[in-house]
């Protein structure tokens, strides 16, 4: 499974990108990331991009989950992102 996180926007437009392939991680770390992905409860179909209208300078996150058979990208800004998604983002960005 490959998970990538792309951060864009923000006041200074400081982006970040990280990608993790669970097949290259030690078993324990791969298990942690896979549990976070399952726990994030990503919908079967990604929702249309959502951006909080009153906060033009917040970070926007694109989270791509590729399980080897399909790849889906989920988008949320830092204000509307579900906490379980945030755990995935922080974990992936922290791996880089």
PDB file of N, CA and C in Angstrom:
ATOM      1  N   UNK A   1       0.849  -1.166   0.000  1.00  0.00           N
ATOM      2  CA  UNK A   1       0.000   0.000   0.000  1.00  0.00           C
ATOM      3  C   UNK A   1       0.898   1.234   0.000  1.00  0.00           C
ATOM      4  N   UNK A   2       0.553   2.185  -0.838  1.00  0.00           N
ATOM      5  CA  UNK A   2       1.282   3.453  -0.879  1.00  0.00           C
ATOM      6  C   UNK A   2       0.340   4.565  -0.437  1.00  0.00           C
ATOM      7  N   UNK A   3       0.839   5.410   0.435  1.00  0.00           N
ATOM      8  CA  UNK A   3       0.068   6.550   0.913  1.00  0.00           C
ATOM      9  C   UNK A   3       0.916   7.787   0.691  1.00  0.00           C
ATOM     10  N   UNK A   4       0.322   8.784   0.045  1.00  0.00           N
ATOM     11  CA  UNK A   4       1.045  10.041  -0.129  1.00  0.00           C
ATOM     12  C   UNK A   4       0.187  11.189   0.400  1.00  0.00           C
ATOM     13  N   UNK A   5       0.878  12.181   0.902  1.00  0.00           N
ATOM     14  CA  UNK A   5       0.234  13.385   1.420  1.00  0.00           C
ATOM     15  C   UNK A   5       0.894  14.581   0.765  1.00  0.00           C
ATOM     16  N   UNK A   6       0.068  15.446   0.206  1.00  0.00           N
ATOM     17  CA  UNK A   6       0.532  16.697  -0.398  1.00  0.00           C
ATOM     18  C   UNK A   6      -0.137  17.843   0.351  1.00  0.00           C
ATOM     19  N   UNK A   7       0.662  18.722   0.942  1.00  0.00           N
ATOM     20  CA  UNK A   7       0.123  19.902   1.619  1.00  0.00           C
ATOM     21  C   UNK A   7       0.422  21.115   0.758  1.00  0.00           C
ATOM     22  N   UNK A   8      -0.582  21.967   0.579  1.00  0.00           N
ATOM     23  CA  UNK A   8      -0.398  23.196  -0.190  1.00  0.00           C
ATOM     24  C   UNK A   8      -1.160  24.322   0.491  1.00  0.00           C
ATOM     25  N   UNK A   9      -0.924  25.536  -0.007  1.00  0.00           N
ATOM     26  CA  UNK A   9      -1.642  26.697   0.516  1.00  0.00           C
ATOM     27  C   UNK A   9      -1.013  27.240   1.775  1.00  0.00           C
ATOM     28  N   UNK A  10      -1.846  27.793   2.607  1.00  0.00           N
ATOM     29  CA  UNK A  10      -1.364  28.429   3.820  1.00  0.00           C
ATOM     30  C   UNK A  10      -0.956  29.860   3.535  1.00  0.00           C
ATOM     31  N   UNK A  11      -0.715  30.609   4.578  1.00  0.00           N
ATOM     32  CA  UNK A  11      -0.396  32.033   4.451  1.00  0.00           C
ATOM     33  C   UNK A  11       0.844  32.253   3.592  1.00  0.00           C
ATOM     34  N   UNK A  12       1.894  31.462   3.819  1.00  0.00           N
ATOM     35  CA  UNK A  12       3.143  31.636   3.070  1.00  0.00           C
ATOM     36  C   UNK A  12       3.269  30.625   1.931  1.00  0.00           C
ATOM     37  N   UNK A  13       2.217  29.846   1.709  1.00  0.00           N
ATOM     38  CA  UNK A  13       2.201  28.823   0.667  1.00  0.00           C
ATOM     39  C   UNK A  13       3.408  27.889   0.775  1.00  0.00           C
ATOM     40  N   UNK A  14       3.657  27.418   2.005  1.00  0.00           N
ATOM     41  CA  UNK A  14       4.748  26.478   2.241  1.00  0.00           C
ATOM     42  C   UNK A  14       4.176  25.070   2.134  1.00  0.00           C
ATOM     43  N   UNK A  15       4.533  24.394   1.075  1.00  0.00           N
ATOM     44  CA  UNK A  15       4.015  23.060   0.832  1.00  0.00           C
ATOM     45  C   UNK A  15       4.870  21.987   1.470  1.00  0.00           C
ATOM     46  N   UNK A  16       4.359  20.785   1.412  1.00  0.00           N
ATOM     47  CA  UNK A  16       5.095  19.614   1.882  1.00  0.00           C
ATOM     48  C   UNK A  16       4.548  18.415   1.126  1.00  0.00           C
ATOM     49  N   UNK A  17       5.402  17.424   0.937  1.00  0.00           N
ATOM     50  CA  UNK A  17       4.971  16.196   0.282  1.00  0.00           C
ATOM     51  C   UNK A  17       5.725  15.029   0.895  1.00  0.00           C
ATOM     52  N   UNK A  18       5.014  13.951   1.131  1.00  0.00           N
ATOM     53  CA  UNK A  18       5.645  12.725   1.618  1.00  0.00           C
ATOM     54  C   UNK A  18       4.874  11.547   1.068  1.00  0.00           C
ATOM     55  N   UNK A  19       5.600  10.464   0.835  1.00  0.00           N
ATOM     56  CA  UNK A  19       4.979   9.235   0.364  1.00  0.00           C
ATOM     57  C   UNK A  19       5.590   8.080   1.126  1.00  0.00           C
ATOM     58  N   UNK A  20       4.733   7.149   1.530  1.00  0.00           N
ATOM     59  CA  UNK A  20       5.190   5.978   2.267  1.00  0.00           C
ATOM     60  C   UNK A  20       4.632   4.741   1.572  1.00  0.00           C
ATOM     61  N   UNK A  21       5.496   3.765   1.369  1.00  0.00           N
ATOM     62  CA  UNK A  21       5.106   2.476   0.807  1.00  0.00           C
ATOM     63  C   UNK A  21       5.243   1.456   1.930  1.00  0.00           C
ATOM     64  N   UNK A  22       4.125   0.884   2.360  1.00  0.00           N
ATOM     65  CA  UNK A  22       4.173  -0.026   3.497  1.00  0.00           C
ATOM     66  C   UNK A  22       5.018  -1.262   3.223  1.00  0.00           C
ATOM     67  N   UNK A  23       5.217  -1.601   1.954  1.00  0.00           N
ATOM     68  CA  UNK A  23       6.029  -2.783   1.640  1.00  0.00           C
ATOM     69  C   UNK A  23       7.509  -2.559   1.926  1.00  0.00           C
ATOM     70  N   UNK A  24       7.913  -1.302   2.101  1.00  0.00           N
ATOM     71  CA  UNK A  24       9.323  -1.003   2.383  1.00  0.00           C
ATOM     72  C   UNK A  24       9.578  -0.706   3.857  1.00  0.00           C
ATOM     73  N   UNK A  25       8.509  -0.698   4.650  1.00  0.00           N
ATOM     74  CA  UNK A  25       8.654  -0.387   6.078  1.00  0.00           C
ATOM     75  C   UNK A  25       8.862  -1.657   6.894  1.00  0.00           C
ATOM     76  N   UNK A  26       9.491  -1.526   8.055  1.00  0.00           N
ATOM     77  CA  UNK A  26       9.519  -2.658   8.980  1.00  0.00           C
ATOM     78  C   UNK A  26       8.077  -3.052   9.327  1.00  0.00           C
ATOM     79  N   UNK A  27       7.855  -4.306   9.597  1.00  0.00           N
ATOM     80  CA  UNK A  27       6.499  -4.837   9.820  1.00  0.00           C
ATOM     81  C   UNK A  27       5.695  -4.026  10.839  1.00  0.00           C
ATOM     82  N   UNK A  28       6.320  -3.660  11.954  1.00  0.00           N
ATOM     83  CA  UNK A  28       5.609  -2.928  13.007  1.00  0.00           C
ATOM     84  C   UNK A  28       5.116  -1.568  12.499  1.00  0.00           C
ATOM     85  N   UNK A  29       5.978  -0.866  11.769  1.00  0.00           N
ATOM     86  CA  UNK A  29       5.608   0.452  11.251  1.00  0.00           C
ATOM     87  C   UNK A  29       4.539   0.331  10.172  1.00  0.00           C
ATOM     88  N   UNK A  30       4.637  -0.686   9.338  1.00  0.00           N
ATOM     89  CA  UNK A  30       3.623  -0.904   8.309  1.00  0.00           C
ATOM     90  C   UNK A  30       2.279  -1.194   8.958  1.00  0.00           C
ATOM     91  N   UNK A  31       2.271  -1.995  10.020  1.00  0.00           N
ATOM     92  CA  UNK A  31       1.028  -2.320  10.721  1.00  0.00           C
ATOM     93  C   UNK A  31       0.381  -1.078  11.319  1.00  0.00           C
ATOM     94  N   UNK A  32       1.199  -0.204  11.901  1.00  0.00           N
ATOM     95  CA  UNK A  32       0.674   1.040  12.489  1.00  0.00           C
ATOM     96  C   UNK A  32       0.001   1.885  11.406  1.00  0.00           C
ATOM     97  N   UNK A  33       0.672   2.066  10.290  1.00  0.00           N
ATOM     98  CA  UNK A  33       0.111   2.892   9.219  1.00  0.00           C
ATOM     99  C   UNK A  33      -1.160   2.262   8.643  1.00  0.00           C
ATOM    100  N   UNK A  34      -1.161   0.957   8.458  1.00  0.00           N
ATOM    101  CA  UNK A  34      -2.362   0.303   7.933  1.00  0.00           C
ATOM    102  C   UNK A  34      -3.530   0.425   8.901  1.00  0.00           C
ATOM    103  N   UNK A  35      -3.270   0.367  10.209  1.00  0.00           N
ATOM    104  CA  UNK A  35      -4.342   0.578  11.198  1.00  0.00           C
ATOM    105  C   UNK A  35      -4.879   2.005  11.123  1.00  0.00           C
ATOM    106  N   UNK A  36      -3.976   2.978  10.950  1.00  0.00           N
ATOM    107  CA  UNK A  36      -4.428   4.371  10.821  1.00  0.00           C
ATOM    108  C   UNK A  36      -5.306   4.545   9.581  1.00  0.00           C
ATOM    109  N   UNK A  37      -4.919   3.925   8.474  1.00  0.00           N
ATOM    110  CA  UNK A  37      -5.706   4.026   7.240  1.00  0.00           C
ATOM    111  C   UNK A  37      -7.076   3.404   7.444  1.00  0.00           C
ATOM    112  N   UNK A  38      -7.125   2.209   8.023  1.00  0.00           N
ATOM    113  CA  UNK A  38      -8.426   1.566   8.274  1.00  0.00           C
ATOM    114  C   UNK A  38      -9.270   2.411   9.227  1.00  0.00           C
ATOM    115  N   UNK A  39      -8.644   2.961  10.249  1.00  0.00           N
ATOM    116  CA  UNK A  39      -9.354   3.768  11.233  1.00  0.00           C
ATOM    117  C   UNK A  39      -9.814   5.115  10.711  1.00  0.00           C
ATOM    118  N   UNK A  40      -9.194   5.585   9.631  1.00  0.00           N
ATOM    119  CA  UNK A  40      -9.551   6.898   9.082  1.00  0.00           C
ATOM    120  C   UNK A  40     -10.941   6.889   8.474  1.00  0.00           C
ATOM    121  N   UNK A  41     -11.450   5.714   8.154  1.00  0.00           N
ATOM    122  CA  UNK A  41     -12.792   5.580   7.593  1.00  0.00           C
ATOM    123  C   UNK A  41     -12.984   6.472   6.367  1.00  0.00           C
ATOM    124  N   UNK A  42     -12.009   6.410   5.449  1.00  0.00           N
ATOM    125  CA  UNK A  42     -12.159   7.136   4.198  1.00  0.00           C
ATOM    126  C   UNK A  42     -13.403   6.597   3.487  1.00  0.00           C
ATOM    127  N   UNK A  43     -14.189   7.456   2.865  1.00  0.00           N
ATOM    128  CA  UNK A  43     -15.393   6.983   2.173  1.00  0.00           C
ATOM    129  C   UNK A  43     -15.032   6.136   0.952  1.00  0.00           C
ATOM    130  N   UNK A  44     -15.974   5.312   0.503  1.00  0.00           N
ATOM    131  CA  UNK A  44     -15.737   4.490  -0.683  1.00  0.00           C
ATOM    132  C   UNK A  44     -15.419   5.353  -1.897  1.00  0.00           C
ATOM    133  N   UNK A  45     -16.080   6.467  -2.008  1.00  0.00           N
ATOM    134  CA  UNK A  45     -15.840   7.407  -3.104  1.00  0.00           C
ATOM    135  C   UNK A  45     -15.390   8.733  -2.509  1.00  0.00           C
ATOM    136  N   UNK A  46     -14.263   9.257  -2.977  1.00  0.00           N
ATOM    137  CA  UNK A  46     -13.836  10.565  -2.464  1.00  0.00           C
ATOM    138  C   UNK A  46     -14.899  11.632  -2.721  1.00  0.00           C
ATOM    139  N   UNK A  47     -15.116  12.451  -1.724  1.00  0.00           N
ATOM    140  CA  UNK A  47     -16.072  13.556  -1.861  1.00  0.00           C
ATOM    141  C   UNK A  47     -15.463  14.651  -2.721  1.00  0.00           C
ATOM    142  N   UNK A  48     -16.287  15.516  -3.285  1.00  0.00           N
ATOM    143  CA  UNK A  48     -15.741  16.656  -4.023  1.00  0.00           C
ATOM    144  C   UNK A  48     -14.841  17.479  -3.099  1.00  0.00           C
ATOM    145  N   UNK A  49     -13.840  18.145  -3.662  1.00  0.00           N
ATOM    146  CA  UNK A  49     -12.948  18.959  -2.817  1.00  0.00           C
ATOM    147  C   UNK A  49     -13.746  19.930  -1.955  1.00  0.00           C
ATOM    148  N   UNK A  50     -13.332  20.053  -0.728  1.00  0.00           N
ATOM    149  CA  UNK A  50     -14.005  20.946   0.207  1.00  0.00           C
ATOM    150  C   UNK A  50     -12.989  21.918   0.767  1.00  0.00           C
ATOM    151  N   UNK A  51     -13.327  23.167   0.746  1.00  0.00           N
ATOM    152  CA  UNK A  51     -12.453  24.191   1.312  1.00  0.00           C
ATOM    153  C   UNK A  51     -13.332  25.137   2.115  1.00  0.00           C
ATOM    154  N   UNK A  52     -12.938  25.377   3.346  1.00  0.00           N
ATOM    155  CA  UNK A  52     -13.689  26.269   4.208  1.00  0.00           C
ATOM    156  C   UNK A  52     -13.620  27.674   3.632  1.00  0.00           C
ATOM    157  N   UNK A  53     -14.771  28.222   3.271  1.00  0.00           N
ATOM    158  CA  UNK A  53     -14.830  29.505   2.567  1.00  0.00           C
ATOM    159  C   UNK A  53     -14.258  30.664   3.379  1.00  0.00           C
ATOM    160  N   UNK A  54     -14.401  30.622   4.676  1.00  0.00           N
ATOM    161  CA  UNK A  54     -13.972  31.762   5.489  1.00  0.00           C
ATOM    162  C   UNK A  54     -12.486  31.728   5.839  1.00  0.00           C
ATOM    163  N   UNK A  55     -11.760  30.762   5.333  1.00  0.00           N
ATOM    164  CA  UNK A  55     -10.347  30.644   5.703  1.00  0.00           C
ATOM    165  C   UNK A  55      -9.499  30.374   4.462  1.00  0.00           C
ATOM    166  N   UNK A  56      -9.257  31.412   3.700  1.00  0.00           N
ATOM    167  CA  UNK A  56      -8.530  31.264   2.438  1.00  0.00           C
ATOM    168  C   UNK A  56      -7.072  30.882   2.631  1.00  0.00           C
ATOM    169  N   UNK A  57      -6.501  31.142   3.794  1.00  0.00           N
ATOM    170  CA  UNK A  57      -5.071  30.909   4.005  1.00  0.00           C
ATOM    171  C   UNK A  57      -4.769  29.641   4.806  1.00  0.00           C
ATOM    172  N   UNK A  58      -5.675  28.700   4.839  1.00  0.00           N
ATOM    173  CA  UNK A  58      -5.404  27.460   5.556  1.00  0.00           C
ATOM    174  C   UNK A  58      -4.736  26.452   4.624  1.00  0.00           C
ATOM    175  N   UNK A  59      -4.065  25.498   5.205  1.00  0.00           N
ATOM    176  CA  UNK A  59      -3.458  24.442   4.398  1.00  0.00           C
ATOM    177  C   UNK A  59      -4.534  23.540   3.800  1.00  0.00           C
ATOM    178  N   UNK A  60      -4.262  23.064   2.615  1.00  0.00           N
ATOM    179  CA  UNK A  60      -5.099  22.084   1.938  1.00  0.00           C
ATOM    180  C   UNK A  60      -4.287  20.796   1.848  1.00  0.00           C
ATOM    181  N   UNK A  61      -4.928  19.671   2.088  1.00  0.00           N
ATOM    182  CA  UNK A  61      -4.249  18.381   2.068  1.00  0.00           C
ATOM    183  C   UNK A  61      -4.899  17.459   1.056  1.00  0.00           C
ATOM    184  N   UNK A  62      -4.067  16.813   0.241  1.00  0.00           N
ATOM    185  CA  UNK A  62      -4.504  15.741  -0.647  1.00  0.00           C
ATOM    186  C   UNK A  62      -3.863  14.466  -0.112  1.00  0.00           C
ATOM    187  N   UNK A  63      -4.704  13.508   0.223  1.00  0.00           N
ATOM    188  CA  UNK A  63      -4.246  12.227   0.754  1.00  0.00           C
ATOM    189  C   UNK A  63      -4.578  11.174  -0.288  1.00  0.00           C
ATOM    190  N   UNK A  64      -3.567  10.514  -0.830  1.00  0.00           N
ATOM    191  CA  UNK A  64      -3.786   9.483  -1.839  1.00  0.00           C
ATOM    192  C   UNK A  64      -3.458   8.129  -1.241  1.00  0.00           C
ATOM    193  N   UNK A  65      -4.413   7.217  -1.358  1.00  0.00           N
ATOM    194  CA  UNK A  65      -4.251   5.854  -0.861  1.00  0.00           C
ATOM    195  C   UNK A  65      -4.314   4.919  -2.057  1.00  0.00           C
ATOM    196  N   UNK A  66      -3.219   4.218  -2.289  1.00  0.00           N
ATOM    197  CA  UNK A  66      -3.125   3.263  -3.398  1.00  0.00           C
ATOM    198  C   UNK A  66      -2.919   1.883  -2.797  1.00  0.00           C
ATOM    199  N   UNK A  67      -3.950   1.042  -2.894  1.00  0.00           N
ATOM    200  CA  UNK A  67      -3.864  -0.290  -2.285  1.00  0.00           C
ATOM    201  C   UNK A  67      -3.364  -1.360  -3.251  1.00  0.00           C
ATOM    202  N   UNK A  68      -2.897  -0.941  -4.411  1.00  0.00           N
ATOM    203  CA  UNK A  68      -2.391  -1.877  -5.399  1.00  0.00           C
ATOM    204  C   UNK A  68      -3.410  -2.245  -6.457  1.00  0.00           C
ATOM    205  N   UNK A  69      -4.693  -2.076  -6.136  1.00  0.00           N
ATOM    206  CA  UNK A  69      -5.744  -2.343  -7.121  1.00  0.00           C
ATOM    207  C   UNK A  69      -6.461  -1.070  -7.537  1.00  0.00           C
ATOM    208  N   UNK A  70      -6.474  -0.090  -6.645  1.00  0.00           N
ATOM    209  CA  UNK A  70      -7.076   1.201  -6.983  1.00  0.00           C
ATOM    210  C   UNK A  70      -6.381   2.299  -6.187  1.00  0.00           C
ATOM    211  N   UNK A  71      -6.499   3.497  -6.700  1.00  0.00           N
ATOM    212  CA  UNK A  71      -5.906   4.664  -6.059  1.00  0.00           C
ATOM    213  C   UNK A  71      -6.996   5.719  -5.909  1.00  0.00           C
ATOM    214  N   UNK A  72      -7.144   6.241  -4.692  1.00  0.00           N
ATOM    215  CA  UNK A  72      -8.147   7.274  -4.439  1.00  0.00           C
ATOM    216  C   UNK A  72      -7.485   8.434  -3.716  1.00  0.00           C
ATOM    217  N   UNK A  73      -7.909   9.630  -4.072  1.00  0.00           N
ATOM    218  CA  UNK A  73      -7.375  10.829  -3.441  1.00  0.00           C
ATOM    219  C   UNK A  73      -8.498  11.536  -2.696  1.00  0.00           C
ATOM    220  N   UNK A  74      -8.214  11.882  -1.461  1.00  0.00           N
ATOM    221  CA  UNK A  74      -9.164  12.570  -0.589  1.00  0.00           C
ATOM    222  C   UNK A  74      -8.592  13.939  -0.286  1.00  0.00           C
ATOM    223  N   UNK A  75      -9.451  14.953  -0.226  1.00  0.00           N
ATOM    224  CA  UNK A  75      -8.988  16.321  -0.021  1.00  0.00           C
ATOM    225  C   UNK A  75      -9.780  16.972   1.105  1.00  0.00           C
ATOM    226  N   UNK A  76      -9.051  17.694   1.933  1.00  0.00           N
ATOM    227  CA  UNK A  76      -9.679  18.477   3.000  1.00  0.00           C
ATOM    228  C   UNK A  76      -8.723  19.588   3.392  1.00  0.00           C
ATOM    229  N   UNK A  77      -9.276  20.662   3.943  1.00  0.00           N
ATOM    230  CA  UNK A  77      -8.390  21.691   4.470  1.00  0.00           C
ATOM    231  C   UNK A  77      -8.190  21.431   5.954  1.00  0.00           C
ATOM    232  N   UNK A  78      -7.259  22.179   6.547  1.00  0.00           N
ATOM    233  CA  UNK A  78      -6.905  21.898   7.932  1.00  0.00           C
ATOM    234  C   UNK A  78      -8.042  22.165   8.917  1.00  0.00           C
ATOM    235  N   UNK A  79      -9.032  22.950   8.528  1.00  0.00           N
ATOM    236  CA  UNK A  79     -10.150  23.226   9.421  1.00  0.00           C
ATOM    237  C   UNK A  79     -11.267  22.185   9.319  1.00  0.00           C
ATOM    238  N   UNK A  80     -11.447  21.604   8.144  1.00  0.00           N
ATOM    239  CA  UNK A  80     -12.541  20.656   7.962  1.00  0.00           C
ATOM    240  C   UNK A  80     -12.092  19.195   8.013  1.00  0.00           C
ATOM    241  N   UNK A  81     -10.797  18.952   8.115  1.00  0.00           N
ATOM    242  CA  UNK A  81     -10.286  17.589   8.089  1.00  0.00           C
ATOM    243  C   UNK A  81     -10.713  16.812   9.331  1.00  0.00           C
ATOM    244  N   UNK A  82     -11.290  15.616   9.127  1.00  0.00           N
ATOM    245  CA  UNK A  82     -11.614  14.776  10.284  1.00  0.00           C
ATOM    246  C   UNK A  82     -10.349  14.417  11.065  1.00  0.00           C
ATOM    247  N   UNK A  83     -10.470  14.297  12.372  1.00  0.00           N
ATOM    248  CA  UNK A  83      -9.306  14.010  13.217  1.00  0.00           C
ATOM    249  C   UNK A  83      -8.610  12.711  12.822  1.00  0.00           C
ATOM    250  N   UNK A  84      -9.362  11.708  12.397  1.00  0.00           N
ATOM    251  CA  UNK A  84      -8.746  10.438  12.021  1.00  0.00           C
ATOM    252  C   UNK A  84      -7.930  10.581  10.738  1.00  0.00           C
ATOM    253  N   UNK A  85      -8.322  11.482   9.860  1.00  0.00           N
ATOM    254  CA  UNK A  85      -7.517  11.770   8.663  1.00  0.00           C
ATOM    255  C   UNK A  85      -6.242  12.484   9.091  1.00  0.00           C
ATOM    256  N   UNK A  86      -6.390  13.380  10.054  1.00  0.00           N
ATOM    257  CA  UNK A  86      -5.239  14.163  10.537  1.00  0.00           C
ATOM    258  C   UNK A  86      -4.149  13.235  11.082  1.00  0.00           C
ATOM    259  N   UNK A  87      -4.555  12.157  11.738  1.00  0.00           N
ATOM    260  CA  UNK A  87      -3.584  11.200  12.265  1.00  0.00           C
ATOM    261  C   UNK A  87      -2.779  10.569  11.129  1.00  0.00           C
ATOM    262  N   UNK A  88      -3.435  10.273  10.013  1.00  0.00           N
ATOM    263  CA  UNK A  88      -2.750   9.721   8.844  1.00  0.00           C
ATOM    264  C   UNK A  88      -1.767  10.749   8.287  1.00  0.00           C
ATOM    265  N   UNK A  89      -2.242  11.987   8.127  1.00  0.00           N
ATOM    266  CA  UNK A  89      -1.400  13.054   7.580  1.00  0.00           C
ATOM    267  C   UNK A  89      -0.152  13.252   8.441  1.00  0.00           C
ATOM    268  N   UNK A  90      -0.328  13.369   9.734  1.00  0.00           N
ATOM    269  CA  UNK A  90       0.809  13.605  10.627  1.00  0.00           C
ATOM    270  C   UNK A  90       1.783  12.430  10.596  1.00  0.00           C
ATOM    271  N   UNK A  91       1.252  11.226  10.530  1.00  0.00           N
ATOM    272  CA  UNK A  91       2.118  10.052  10.499  1.00  0.00           C
ATOM    273  C   UNK A  91       2.944  10.010   9.207  1.00  0.00           C
ATOM    274  N   UNK A  92       2.295  10.223   8.081  1.00  0.00           N
ATOM    275  CA  UNK A  92       3.000  10.155   6.791  1.00  0.00           C
ATOM    276  C   UNK A  92       4.010  11.293   6.674  1.00  0.00           C
ATOM    277  N   UNK A  93       3.592  12.517   7.004  1.00  0.00           N
ATOM    278  CA  UNK A  93       4.540  13.633   6.913  1.00  0.00           C
ATOM    279  C   UNK A  93       5.697  13.455   7.903  1.00  0.00           C
ATOM    280  N   UNK A  94       5.451  12.806   9.014  1.00  0.00           N
ATOM    281  CA  UNK A  94       6.499  12.569  10.011  1.00  0.00           C
ATOM    282  C   UNK A  94       7.492  11.497   9.583  1.00  0.00           C
ATOM    283  N   UNK A  95       7.125  10.674   8.599  1.00  0.00           N
ATOM    284  CA  UNK A  95       8.012   9.616   8.115  1.00  0.00           C
ATOM    285  C   UNK A  95       9.085  10.153   7.190  1.00  0.00           C
ATOM    286  N   UNK A  96       8.848  11.344   6.614  1.00  0.00           N
ATOM    287  CA  UNK A  96       9.803  11.852   5.617  1.00  0.00           C
ATOM    288  C   UNK A  96      10.962  12.571   6.269  1.00  0.00           C
TER     289      UNK A  96
END
